[in-house]
mmCIF file of all heavy atoms, coordinates in Angstrom:
data_MODEL
# 
_entry.id   MODEL 
# 
loop_
_atom_site.group_PDB 
_atom_site.id 
_atom_site.type_symbol 
_atom_site.label_atom_id 
_atom_site.label_alt_id 
_atom_site.label_comp_id 
_atom_site.label_asym_id 
_atom_site.label_entity_id 
_atom_site.label_seq_id 
_atom_site.pdbx_PDB_ins_code 
_atom_site.Cartn_x 
_atom_site.Cartn_y 
_atom_site.Cartn_z 
_atom_site.occupancy 
_atom_site.B_iso_or_equiv 
_atom_site.pdbx_formal_charge 
_atom_site.auth_seq_id 
_atom_site.auth_comp_id 
_atom_site.auth_asym_id 
_atom_site.auth_atom_id 
_atom_site.pdbx_PDB_model_num 
ATOM 1   N N   . SER A 1 1  ? -38.019 -231.553 39.817 1.00 0.00 ? 1  SER A N   1 
ATOM 2   C CA  . SER A 1 1  ? -37.460 -231.053 38.562 1.00 0.00 ? 1  SER A CA  1 
ATOM 3   C C   . SER A 1 1  ? -37.260 -229.545 38.609 1.00 0.00 ? 1  SER A C   1 
ATOM 4   O O   . SER A 1 1  ? -38.153 -228.801 39.022 1.00 0.00 ? 1  SER A O   1 
ATOM 5   C CB  . SER A 1 1  ? -38.406 -231.375 37.401 1.00 0.00 ? 1  SER A CB  1 
ATOM 6   O OG  . SER A 1 1  ? -37.952 -230.770 36.205 1.00 0.00 ? 1  SER A OG  1 
ATOM 7   N N   . PRO A 1 2  ? -36.114 -229.046 38.157 1.00 0.00 ? 2  PRO A N   1 
ATOM 8   C CA  . PRO A 1 2  ? -35.963 -227.602 37.961 1.00 0.00 ? 2  PRO A CA  1 
ATOM 9   C C   . PRO A 1 2  ? -36.961 -227.118 36.908 1.00 0.00 ? 2  PRO A C   1 
ATOM 10  O O   . PRO A 1 2  ? -37.243 -227.830 35.934 1.00 0.00 ? 2  PRO A O   1 
ATOM 11  C CB  . PRO A 1 2  ? -34.523 -227.449 37.454 1.00 0.00 ? 2  PRO A CB  1 
ATOM 12  C CG  . PRO A 1 2  ? -33.827 -228.692 37.900 1.00 0.00 ? 2  PRO A CG  1 
ATOM 13  C CD  . PRO A 1 2  ? -34.868 -229.771 37.863 1.00 0.00 ? 2  PRO A CD  1 
ATOM 14  N N   . VAL A 1 3  ? -37.495 -225.923 37.099 1.00 0.00 ? 3  VAL A N   1 
ATOM 15  C CA  . VAL A 1 3  ? -38.531 -225.396 36.218 1.00 0.00 ? 3  VAL A CA  1 
ATOM 16  C C   . VAL A 1 3  ? -38.183 -223.969 35.806 1.00 0.00 ? 3  VAL A C   1 
ATOM 17  O O   . VAL A 1 3  ? -37.808 -223.146 36.648 1.00 0.00 ? 3  VAL A O   1 
ATOM 18  C CB  . VAL A 1 3  ? -39.912 -225.388 36.924 1.00 0.00 ? 3  VAL A CB  1 
ATOM 19  C CG1 . VAL A 1 3  ? -40.979 -224.782 36.015 1.00 0.00 ? 3  VAL A CG1 1 
ATOM 20  C CG2 . VAL A 1 3  ? -40.313 -226.799 37.347 1.00 0.00 ? 3  VAL A CG2 1 
ATOM 21  N N   . LEU A 1 4  ? -38.321 -223.690 34.511 1.00 0.00 ? 4  LEU A N   1 
ATOM 22  C CA  . LEU A 1 4  ? -38.285 -222.326 34.015 1.00 0.00 ? 4  LEU A CA  1 
ATOM 23  C C   . LEU A 1 4  ? -39.716 -221.951 33.651 1.00 0.00 ? 4  LEU A C   1 
ATOM 24  O O   . LEU A 1 4  ? -40.273 -222.460 32.677 1.00 0.00 ? 4  LEU A O   1 
ATOM 25  C CB  . LEU A 1 4  ? -37.374 -222.197 32.795 1.00 0.00 ? 4  LEU A CB  1 
ATOM 26  C CG  . LEU A 1 4  ? -37.353 -220.814 32.122 1.00 0.00 ? 4  LEU A CG  1 
ATOM 27  C CD1 . LEU A 1 4  ? -36.901 -219.738 33.100 1.00 0.00 ? 4  LEU A CD1 1 
ATOM 28  C CD2 . LEU A 1 4  ? -36.468 -220.826 30.881 1.00 0.00 ? 4  LEU A CD2 1 
ATOM 29  N N   . ALA A 1 5  ? -40.334 -221.109 34.466 1.00 0.00 ? 5  ALA A N   1 
ATOM 30  C CA  . ALA A 1 5  ? -41.734 -220.728 34.292 1.00 0.00 ? 5  ALA A CA  1 
ATOM 31  C C   . ALA A 1 5  ? -41.820 -219.449 33.479 1.00 0.00 ? 5  ALA A C   1 
ATOM 32  O O   . ALA A 1 5  ? -41.270 -218.415 33.868 1.00 0.00 ? 5  ALA A O   1 
ATOM 33  C CB  . ALA A 1 5  ? -42.398 -220.539 35.652 1.00 0.00 ? 5  ALA A CB  1 
ATOM 34  N N   . VAL A 1 6  ? -42.521 -219.517 32.357 1.00 0.00 ? 6  VAL A N   1 
ATOM 35  C CA  . VAL A 1 6  ? -42.625 -218.383 31.433 1.00 0.00 ? 6  VAL A CA  1 
ATOM 36  C C   . VAL A 1 6  ? -44.072 -217.938 31.314 1.00 0.00 ? 6  VAL A C   1 
ATOM 37  O O   . VAL A 1 6  ? -44.979 -218.764 31.147 1.00 0.00 ? 6  VAL A O   1 
ATOM 38  C CB  . VAL A 1 6  ? -42.067 -218.770 30.045 1.00 0.00 ? 6  VAL A CB  1 
ATOM 39  C CG1 . VAL A 1 6  ? -42.335 -217.664 29.027 1.00 0.00 ? 6  VAL A CG1 1 
ATOM 40  C CG2 . VAL A 1 6  ? -40.579 -219.062 30.120 1.00 0.00 ? 6  VAL A CG2 1 
ATOM 41  N N   . ALA A 1 7  ? -44.296 -216.645 31.402 1.00 0.00 ? 7  ALA A N   1 
ATOM 42  C CA  . ALA A 1 7  ? -45.617 -216.049 31.175 1.00 0.00 ? 7  ALA A CA  1 
ATOM 43  C C   . ALA A 1 7  ? -45.406 -214.598 30.785 1.00 0.00 ? 7  ALA A C   1 
ATOM 44  O O   . ALA A 1 7  ? -44.333 -214.037 30.995 1.00 0.00 ? 7  ALA A O   1 
ATOM 45  C CB  . ALA A 1 7  ? -46.497 -216.158 32.417 1.00 0.00 ? 7  ALA A CB  1 
ATOM 46  N N   . ARG A 1 8  ? -46.421 -213.983 30.213 1.00 0.00 ? 8  ARG A N   1 
ATOM 47  C CA  . ARG A 1 8  ? -46.241 -212.610 29.737 1.00 0.00 ? 8  ARG A CA  1 
ATOM 48  C C   . ARG A 1 8  ? -46.644 -211.562 30.768 1.00 0.00 ? 8  ARG A C   1 
ATOM 49  O O   . ARG A 1 8  ? -46.338 -210.388 30.606 1.00 0.00 ? 8  ARG A O   1 
ATOM 50  C CB  . ARG A 1 8  ? -47.025 -212.392 28.447 1.00 0.00 ? 8  ARG A CB  1 
ATOM 51  C CG  . ARG A 1 8  ? -48.504 -212.684 28.517 1.00 0.00 ? 8  ARG A CG  1 
ATOM 52  C CD  . ARG A 1 8  ? -49.132 -212.585 27.144 1.00 0.00 ? 8  ARG A CD  1 
ATOM 53  N NE  . ARG A 1 8  ? -50.527 -212.981 27.138 1.00 0.00 ? 8  ARG A NE  1 
ATOM 54  C CZ  . ARG A 1 8  ? -51.269 -213.049 26.036 1.00 0.00 ? 8  ARG A CZ  1 
ATOM 55  N NH1 . ARG A 1 8  ? -50.743 -212.745 24.874 1.00 0.00 ? 8  ARG A NH1 1 
ATOM 56  N NH2 . ARG A 1 8  ? -52.526 -213.426 26.098 1.00 0.00 ? 8  ARG A NH2 1 
ATOM 57  N N   . ASP A 1 9  ? -47.315 -211.983 31.844 1.00 0.00 ? 9  ASP A N   1 
ATOM 58  C CA  . ASP A 1 9  ? -47.747 -211.060 32.887 1.00 0.00 ? 9  ASP A CA  1 
ATOM 59  C C   . ASP A 1 9  ? -46.772 -211.132 34.059 1.00 0.00 ? 9  ASP A C   1 
ATOM 60  O O   . ASP A 1 9  ? -46.730 -212.117 34.797 1.00 0.00 ? 9  ASP A O   1 
ATOM 61  C CB  . ASP A 1 9  ? -49.164 -211.416 33.347 1.00 0.00 ? 9  ASP A CB  1 
ATOM 62  C CG  . ASP A 1 9  ? -49.772 -210.373 34.272 1.00 0.00 ? 9  ASP A CG  1 
ATOM 63  O OD1 . ASP A 1 9  ? -49.059 -209.926 35.202 1.00 0.00 ? 9  ASP A OD1 1 
ATOM 64  O OD2 . ASP A 1 9  ? -50.945 -210.004 34.073 1.00 0.00 ? 9  ASP A OD2 1 
ATOM 65  N N   . ALA A 1 10 ? -45.990 -210.077 34.251 1.00 0.00 ? 10 ALA A N   1 
ATOM 66  C CA  . ALA A 1 10 ? -44.952 -210.079 35.290 1.00 0.00 ? 10 ALA A CA  1 
ATOM 67  C C   . ALA A 1 10 ? -45.543 -210.207 36.688 1.00 0.00 ? 10 ALA A C   1 
ATOM 68  O O   . ALA A 1 10 ? -44.995 -210.907 37.548 1.00 0.00 ? 10 ALA A O   1 
ATOM 69  C CB  . ALA A 1 10 ? -44.109 -208.811 35.190 1.00 0.00 ? 10 ALA A CB  1 
ATOM 70  N N   . SER A 1 11 ? -46.658 -209.553 36.948 1.00 0.00 ? 11 SER A N   1 
ATOM 71  C CA  . SER A 1 11 ? -47.239 -209.587 38.293 1.00 0.00 ? 11 SER A CA  1 
ATOM 72  C C   . SER A 1 11 ? -47.744 -210.986 38.641 1.00 0.00 ? 11 SER A C   1 
ATOM 73  O O   . SER A 1 11 ? -47.593 -211.448 39.780 1.00 0.00 ? 11 SER A O   1 
ATOM 74  C CB  . SER A 1 11 ? -48.373 -208.566 38.408 1.00 0.00 ? 11 SER A CB  1 
ATOM 75  O OG  . SER A 1 11 ? -49.423 -208.863 37.503 1.00 0.00 ? 11 SER A OG  1 
ATOM 76  N N   . ARG A 1 12 ? -48.332 -211.680 37.678 1.00 0.00 ? 12 ARG A N   1 
ATOM 77  C CA  . ARG A 1 12 ? -48.806 -213.042 37.932 1.00 0.00 ? 12 ARG A CA  1 
ATOM 78  C C   . ARG A 1 12 ? -47.627 -213.993 38.130 1.00 0.00 ? 12 ARG A C   1 
ATOM 79  O O   . ARG A 1 12 ? -47.687 -214.919 38.944 1.00 0.00 ? 12 ARG A O   1 
ATOM 80  C CB  . ARG A 1 12 ? -49.702 -213.509 36.795 1.00 0.00 ? 12 ARG A CB  1 
ATOM 81  C CG  . ARG A 1 12 ? -51.021 -212.751 36.697 1.00 0.00 ? 12 ARG A CG  1 
ATOM 82  C CD  . ARG A 1 12 ? -51.893 -213.253 35.589 1.00 0.00 ? 12 ARG A CD  1 
ATOM 83  N NE  . ARG A 1 12 ? -52.370 -214.608 35.856 1.00 0.00 ? 12 ARG A NE  1 
ATOM 84  C CZ  . ARG A 1 12 ? -53.190 -215.272 35.034 1.00 0.00 ? 12 ARG A CZ  1 
ATOM 85  N NH1 . ARG A 1 12 ? -53.599 -214.706 33.899 1.00 0.00 ? 12 ARG A NH1 1 
ATOM 86  N NH2 . ARG A 1 12 ? -53.583 -216.490 35.338 1.00 0.00 ? 12 ARG A NH2 1 
ATOM 87  N N   . LEU A 1 13 ? -46.549 -213.770 37.402 1.00 0.00 ? 13 LEU A N   1 
ATOM 88  C CA  . LEU A 1 13 ? -45.348 -214.579 37.604 1.00 0.00 ? 13 LEU A CA  1 
ATOM 89  C C   . LEU A 1 13 ? -44.769 -214.361 39.001 1.00 0.00 ? 13 LEU A C   1 
ATOM 90  O O   . LEU A 1 13 ? -44.296 -215.305 39.647 1.00 0.00 ? 13 LEU A O   1 
ATOM 91  C CB  . LEU A 1 13 ? -44.292 -214.240 36.554 1.00 0.00 ? 13 LEU A CB  1 
ATOM 92  C CG  . LEU A 1 13 ? -44.238 -215.106 35.298 1.00 0.00 ? 13 LEU A CG  1 
ATOM 93  C CD1 . LEU A 1 13 ? -43.089 -214.663 34.410 1.00 0.00 ? 13 LEU A CD1 1 
ATOM 94  C CD2 . LEU A 1 13 ? -44.113 -216.584 35.627 1.00 0.00 ? 13 LEU A CD2 1 
ATOM 95  N N   . GLN A 1 14 ? -44.810 -213.115 39.471 1.00 0.00 ? 14 GLN A N   1 
ATOM 96  C CA  . GLN A 1 14 ? -44.321 -212.824 40.813 1.00 0.00 ? 14 GLN A CA  1 
ATOM 97  C C   . GLN A 1 14 ? -45.143 -213.547 41.865 1.00 0.00 ? 14 GLN A C   1 
ATOM 98  O O   . GLN A 1 14 ? -44.605 -214.073 42.848 1.00 0.00 ? 14 GLN A O   1 
ATOM 99  C CB  . GLN A 1 14 ? -44.337 -211.310 41.060 1.00 0.00 ? 14 GLN A CB  1 
ATOM 100 C CG  . GLN A 1 14 ? -43.283 -210.557 40.263 1.00 0.00 ? 14 GLN A CG  1 
ATOM 101 C CD  . GLN A 1 14 ? -43.437 -209.047 40.393 1.00 0.00 ? 14 GLN A CD  1 
ATOM 102 O OE1 . GLN A 1 14 ? -44.391 -208.544 40.990 1.00 0.00 ? 14 GLN A OE1 1 
ATOM 103 N NE2 . GLN A 1 14 ? -42.492 -208.313 39.822 1.00 0.00 ? 14 GLN A NE2 1 
ATOM 104 N N   . ARG A 1 15 ? -46.464 -213.601 41.668 1.00 0.00 ? 15 ARG A N   1 
ATOM 105 C CA  . ARG A 1 15 ? -47.321 -214.328 42.614 1.00 0.00 ? 15 ARG A CA  1 
ATOM 106 C C   . ARG A 1 15 ? -47.010 -215.830 42.583 1.00 0.00 ? 15 ARG A C   1 
ATOM 107 O O   . ARG A 1 15 ? -46.990 -216.491 43.626 1.00 0.00 ? 15 ARG A O   1 
ATOM 108 C CB  . ARG A 1 15 ? -48.802 -214.088 42.287 1.00 0.00 ? 15 ARG A CB  1 
ATOM 109 C CG  . ARG A 1 15 ? -49.276 -212.679 42.614 1.00 0.00 ? 15 ARG A CG  1 
ATOM 110 C CD  . ARG A 1 15 ? -50.789 -212.608 42.691 1.00 0.00 ? 15 ARG A CD  1 
ATOM 111 N NE  . ARG A 1 15 ? -51.417 -212.844 41.392 1.00 0.00 ? 15 ARG A NE  1 
ATOM 112 C CZ  . ARG A 1 15 ? -51.668 -211.901 40.498 1.00 0.00 ? 15 ARG A CZ  1 
ATOM 113 N NH1 . ARG A 1 15 ? -51.315 -210.639 40.747 1.00 0.00 ? 15 ARG A NH1 1 
ATOM 114 N NH2 . ARG A 1 15 ? -52.253 -212.195 39.358 1.00 0.00 ? 15 ARG A NH2 1 
ATOM 115 N N   . LEU A 1 16 ? -46.752 -216.358 41.391 1.00 0.00 ? 16 LEU A N   1 
ATOM 116 C CA  . LEU A 1 16 ? -46.391 -217.769 41.283 1.00 0.00 ? 16 LEU A CA  1 
ATOM 117 C C   . LEU A 1 16 ? -45.091 -218.045 42.025 1.00 0.00 ? 16 LEU A C   1 
ATOM 118 O O   . LEU A 1 16 ? -44.976 -219.033 42.762 1.00 0.00 ? 16 LEU A O   1 
ATOM 119 C CB  . LEU A 1 16 ? -46.256 -218.155 39.804 1.00 0.00 ? 16 LEU A CB  1 
ATOM 120 C CG  . LEU A 1 16 ? -45.855 -219.601 39.515 1.00 0.00 ? 16 LEU A CG  1 
ATOM 121 C CD1 . LEU A 1 16 ? -46.983 -220.557 39.886 1.00 0.00 ? 16 LEU A CD1 1 
ATOM 122 C CD2 . LEU A 1 16 ? -45.479 -219.777 38.033 1.00 0.00 ? 16 LEU A CD2 1 
ATOM 123 N N   . ALA A 1 17 ? -44.102 -217.166 41.826 1.00 0.00 ? 17 ALA A N   1 
ATOM 124 C CA  . ALA A 1 17 ? -42.814 -217.343 42.512 1.00 0.00 ? 17 ALA A CA  1 
ATOM 125 C C   . ALA A 1 17 ? -42.986 -217.253 44.022 1.00 0.00 ? 17 ALA A C   1 
ATOM 126 O O   . ALA A 1 17 ? -42.349 -217.999 44.779 1.00 0.00 ? 17 ALA A O   1 
ATOM 127 C CB  . ALA A 1 17 ? -41.825 -216.298 42.021 1.00 0.00 ? 17 ALA A CB  1 
ATOM 128 N N   . ALA A 1 18 ? -43.859 -216.358 44.488 1.00 0.00 ? 18 ALA A N   1 
ATOM 129 C CA  . ALA A 1 18 ? -44.088 -216.215 45.919 1.00 0.00 ? 18 ALA A CA  1 
ATOM 130 C C   . ALA A 1 18 ? -44.720 -217.473 46.509 1.00 0.00 ? 18 ALA A C   1 
ATOM 131 O O   . ALA A 1 18 ? -44.445 -217.844 47.658 1.00 0.00 ? 18 ALA A O   1 
ATOM 132 C CB  . ALA A 1 18 ? -44.975 -215.003 46.184 1.00 0.00 ? 18 ALA A CB  1 
ATOM 133 N N   . MET A 1 19 ? -45.567 -218.151 45.734 1.00 0.00 ? 19 MET A N   1 
ATOM 134 C CA  . MET A 1 19 ? -46.190 -219.391 46.199 1.00 0.00 ? 19 MET A CA  1 
ATOM 135 C C   . MET A 1 19 ? -45.151 -220.495 46.421 1.00 0.00 ? 19 MET A C   1 
ATOM 136 O O   . MET A 1 19 ? -45.354 -221.398 47.228 1.00 0.00 ? 19 MET A O   1 
ATOM 137 C CB  . MET A 1 19 ? -47.233 -219.871 45.183 1.00 0.00 ? 19 MET A CB  1 
ATOM 138 C CG  . MET A 1 19 ? -48.490 -219.028 45.110 1.00 0.00 ? 19 MET A CG  1 
ATOM 139 S SD  . MET A 1 19 ? -49.558 -219.559 43.746 1.00 0.00 ? 19 MET A SD  1 
ATOM 140 C CE  . MET A 1 19 ? -49.835 -221.269 44.197 1.00 0.00 ? 19 MET A CE  1 
ATOM 141 N N   . HIS A 1 20 ? -44.040 -220.406 45.691 1.00 0.00 ? 20 HIS A N   1 
ATOM 142 C CA  . HIS A 1 20 ? -43.001 -221.439 45.781 1.00 0.00 ? 20 HIS A CA  1 
ATOM 143 C C   . HIS A 1 20 ? -41.673 -220.804 46.201 1.00 0.00 ? 20 HIS A C   1 
ATOM 144 O O   . HIS A 1 20 ? -40.613 -221.151 45.679 1.00 0.00 ? 20 HIS A O   1 
ATOM 145 C CB  . HIS A 1 20 ? -42.845 -222.138 44.430 1.00 0.00 ? 20 HIS A CB  1 
ATOM 146 C CG  . HIS A 1 20 ? -44.102 -222.755 43.906 1.00 0.00 ? 20 HIS A CG  1 
ATOM 147 N ND1 . HIS A 1 20 ? -44.630 -223.921 44.425 1.00 0.00 ? 20 HIS A ND1 1 
ATOM 148 C CD2 . HIS A 1 20 ? -44.953 -222.353 42.915 1.00 0.00 ? 20 HIS A CD2 1 
ATOM 149 C CE1 . HIS A 1 20 ? -45.743 -224.227 43.770 1.00 0.00 ? 20 HIS A CE1 1 
ATOM 150 N NE2 . HIS A 1 20 ? -45.961 -223.299 42.855 1.00 0.00 ? 20 HIS A NE2 1 
ATOM 151 N N   . ALA A 1 21 ? -41.762 -219.893 47.149 1.00 0.00 ? 21 ALA A N   1 
ATOM 152 C CA  . ALA A 1 21 ? -40.574 -219.131 47.554 1.00 0.00 ? 21 ALA A CA  1 
ATOM 153 C C   . ALA A 1 21 ? -39.473 -220.011 48.130 1.00 0.00 ? 21 ALA A C   1 
ATOM 154 O O   . ALA A 1 21 ? -38.298 -219.635 48.106 1.00 0.00 ? 21 ALA A O   1 
ATOM 155 C CB  . ALA A 1 21 ? -40.975 -218.062 48.578 1.00 0.00 ? 21 ALA A CB  1 
ATOM 156 N N   . ASP A 1 22 ? -39.839 -221.181 48.633 1.00 0.00 ? 22 ASP A N   1 
ATOM 157 C CA  . ASP A 1 22 ? -38.842 -222.068 49.225 1.00 0.00 ? 22 ASP A CA  1 
ATOM 158 C C   . ASP A 1 22 ? -38.285 -223.075 48.230 1.00 0.00 ? 22 ASP A C   1 
ATOM 159 O O   . ASP A 1 22 ? -37.575 -224.007 48.607 1.00 0.00 ? 22 ASP A O   1 
ATOM 160 C CB  . ASP A 1 22 ? -39.442 -222.819 50.418 1.00 0.00 ? 22 ASP A CB  1 
ATOM 161 C CG  . ASP A 1 22 ? -40.653 -223.662 50.021 1.00 0.00 ? 22 ASP A CG  1 
ATOM 162 O OD1 . ASP A 1 22 ? -41.222 -223.417 48.935 1.00 0.00 ? 22 ASP A OD1 1 
ATOM 163 O OD2 . ASP A 1 22 ? -41.029 -224.567 50.800 1.00 0.00 ? 22 ASP A OD2 1 
ATOM 164 N N   . GLU A 1 23 ? -38.598 -222.901 46.941 1.00 0.00 ? 23 GLU A N   1 
ATOM 165 C CA  . GLU A 1 23 ? -38.150 -223.845 45.914 1.00 0.00 ? 23 GLU A CA  1 
ATOM 166 C C   . GLU A 1 23 ? -36.998 -223.245 45.114 1.00 0.00 ? 23 GLU A C   1 
ATOM 167 O O   . GLU A 1 23 ? -37.202 -222.400 44.242 1.00 0.00 ? 23 GLU A O   1 
ATOM 168 C CB  . GLU A 1 23 ? -39.303 -224.188 44.961 1.00 0.00 ? 23 GLU A CB  1 
ATOM 169 C CG  . GLU A 1 23 ? -40.400 -225.035 45.583 1.00 0.00 ? 23 GLU A CG  1 
ATOM 170 C CD  . GLU A 1 23 ? -39.978 -226.494 45.718 1.00 0.00 ? 23 GLU A CD  1 
ATOM 171 O OE1 . GLU A 1 23 ? -38.863 -226.841 45.298 1.00 0.00 ? 23 GLU A OE1 1 
ATOM 172 O OE2 . GLU A 1 23 ? -40.780 -227.279 46.248 1.00 0.00 ? 23 GLU A OE2 1 
ATOM 173 N N   . PRO A 1 24 ? -35.765 -223.683 45.352 1.00 0.00 ? 24 PRO A N   1 
ATOM 174 C CA  . PRO A 1 24 ? -34.637 -223.134 44.605 1.00 0.00 ? 24 PRO A CA  1 
ATOM 175 C C   . PRO A 1 24 ? -34.626 -223.553 43.140 1.00 0.00 ? 24 PRO A C   1 
ATOM 176 O O   . PRO A 1 24 ? -33.926 -222.957 42.323 1.00 0.00 ? 24 PRO A O   1 
ATOM 177 C CB  . PRO A 1 24 ? -33.411 -223.708 45.336 1.00 0.00 ? 24 PRO A CB  1 
ATOM 178 C CG  . PRO A 1 24 ? -33.909 -224.963 45.967 1.00 0.00 ? 24 PRO A CG  1 
ATOM 179 C CD  . PRO A 1 24 ? -35.328 -224.680 46.357 1.00 0.00 ? 24 PRO A CD  1 
ATOM 180 N N   . GLY A 1 25 ? -35.411 -224.572 42.793 1.00 0.00 ? 25 GLY A N   1 
ATOM 181 C CA  . GLY A 1 25 ? -35.417 -225.056 41.414 1.00 0.00 ? 25 GLY A CA  1 
ATOM 182 C C   . GLY A 1 25 ? -36.307 -224.264 40.483 1.00 0.00 ? 25 GLY A C   1 
ATOM 183 O O   . GLY A 1 25 ? -36.374 -224.574 39.288 1.00 0.00 ? 25 GLY A O   1 
# 
């Protein structure tokens, strides 16, 4: 499923994105 991940801490969101760097969704 495509996911729009929302959080108020930009740095934590960046770490989340890095964990799934190969996921275009």
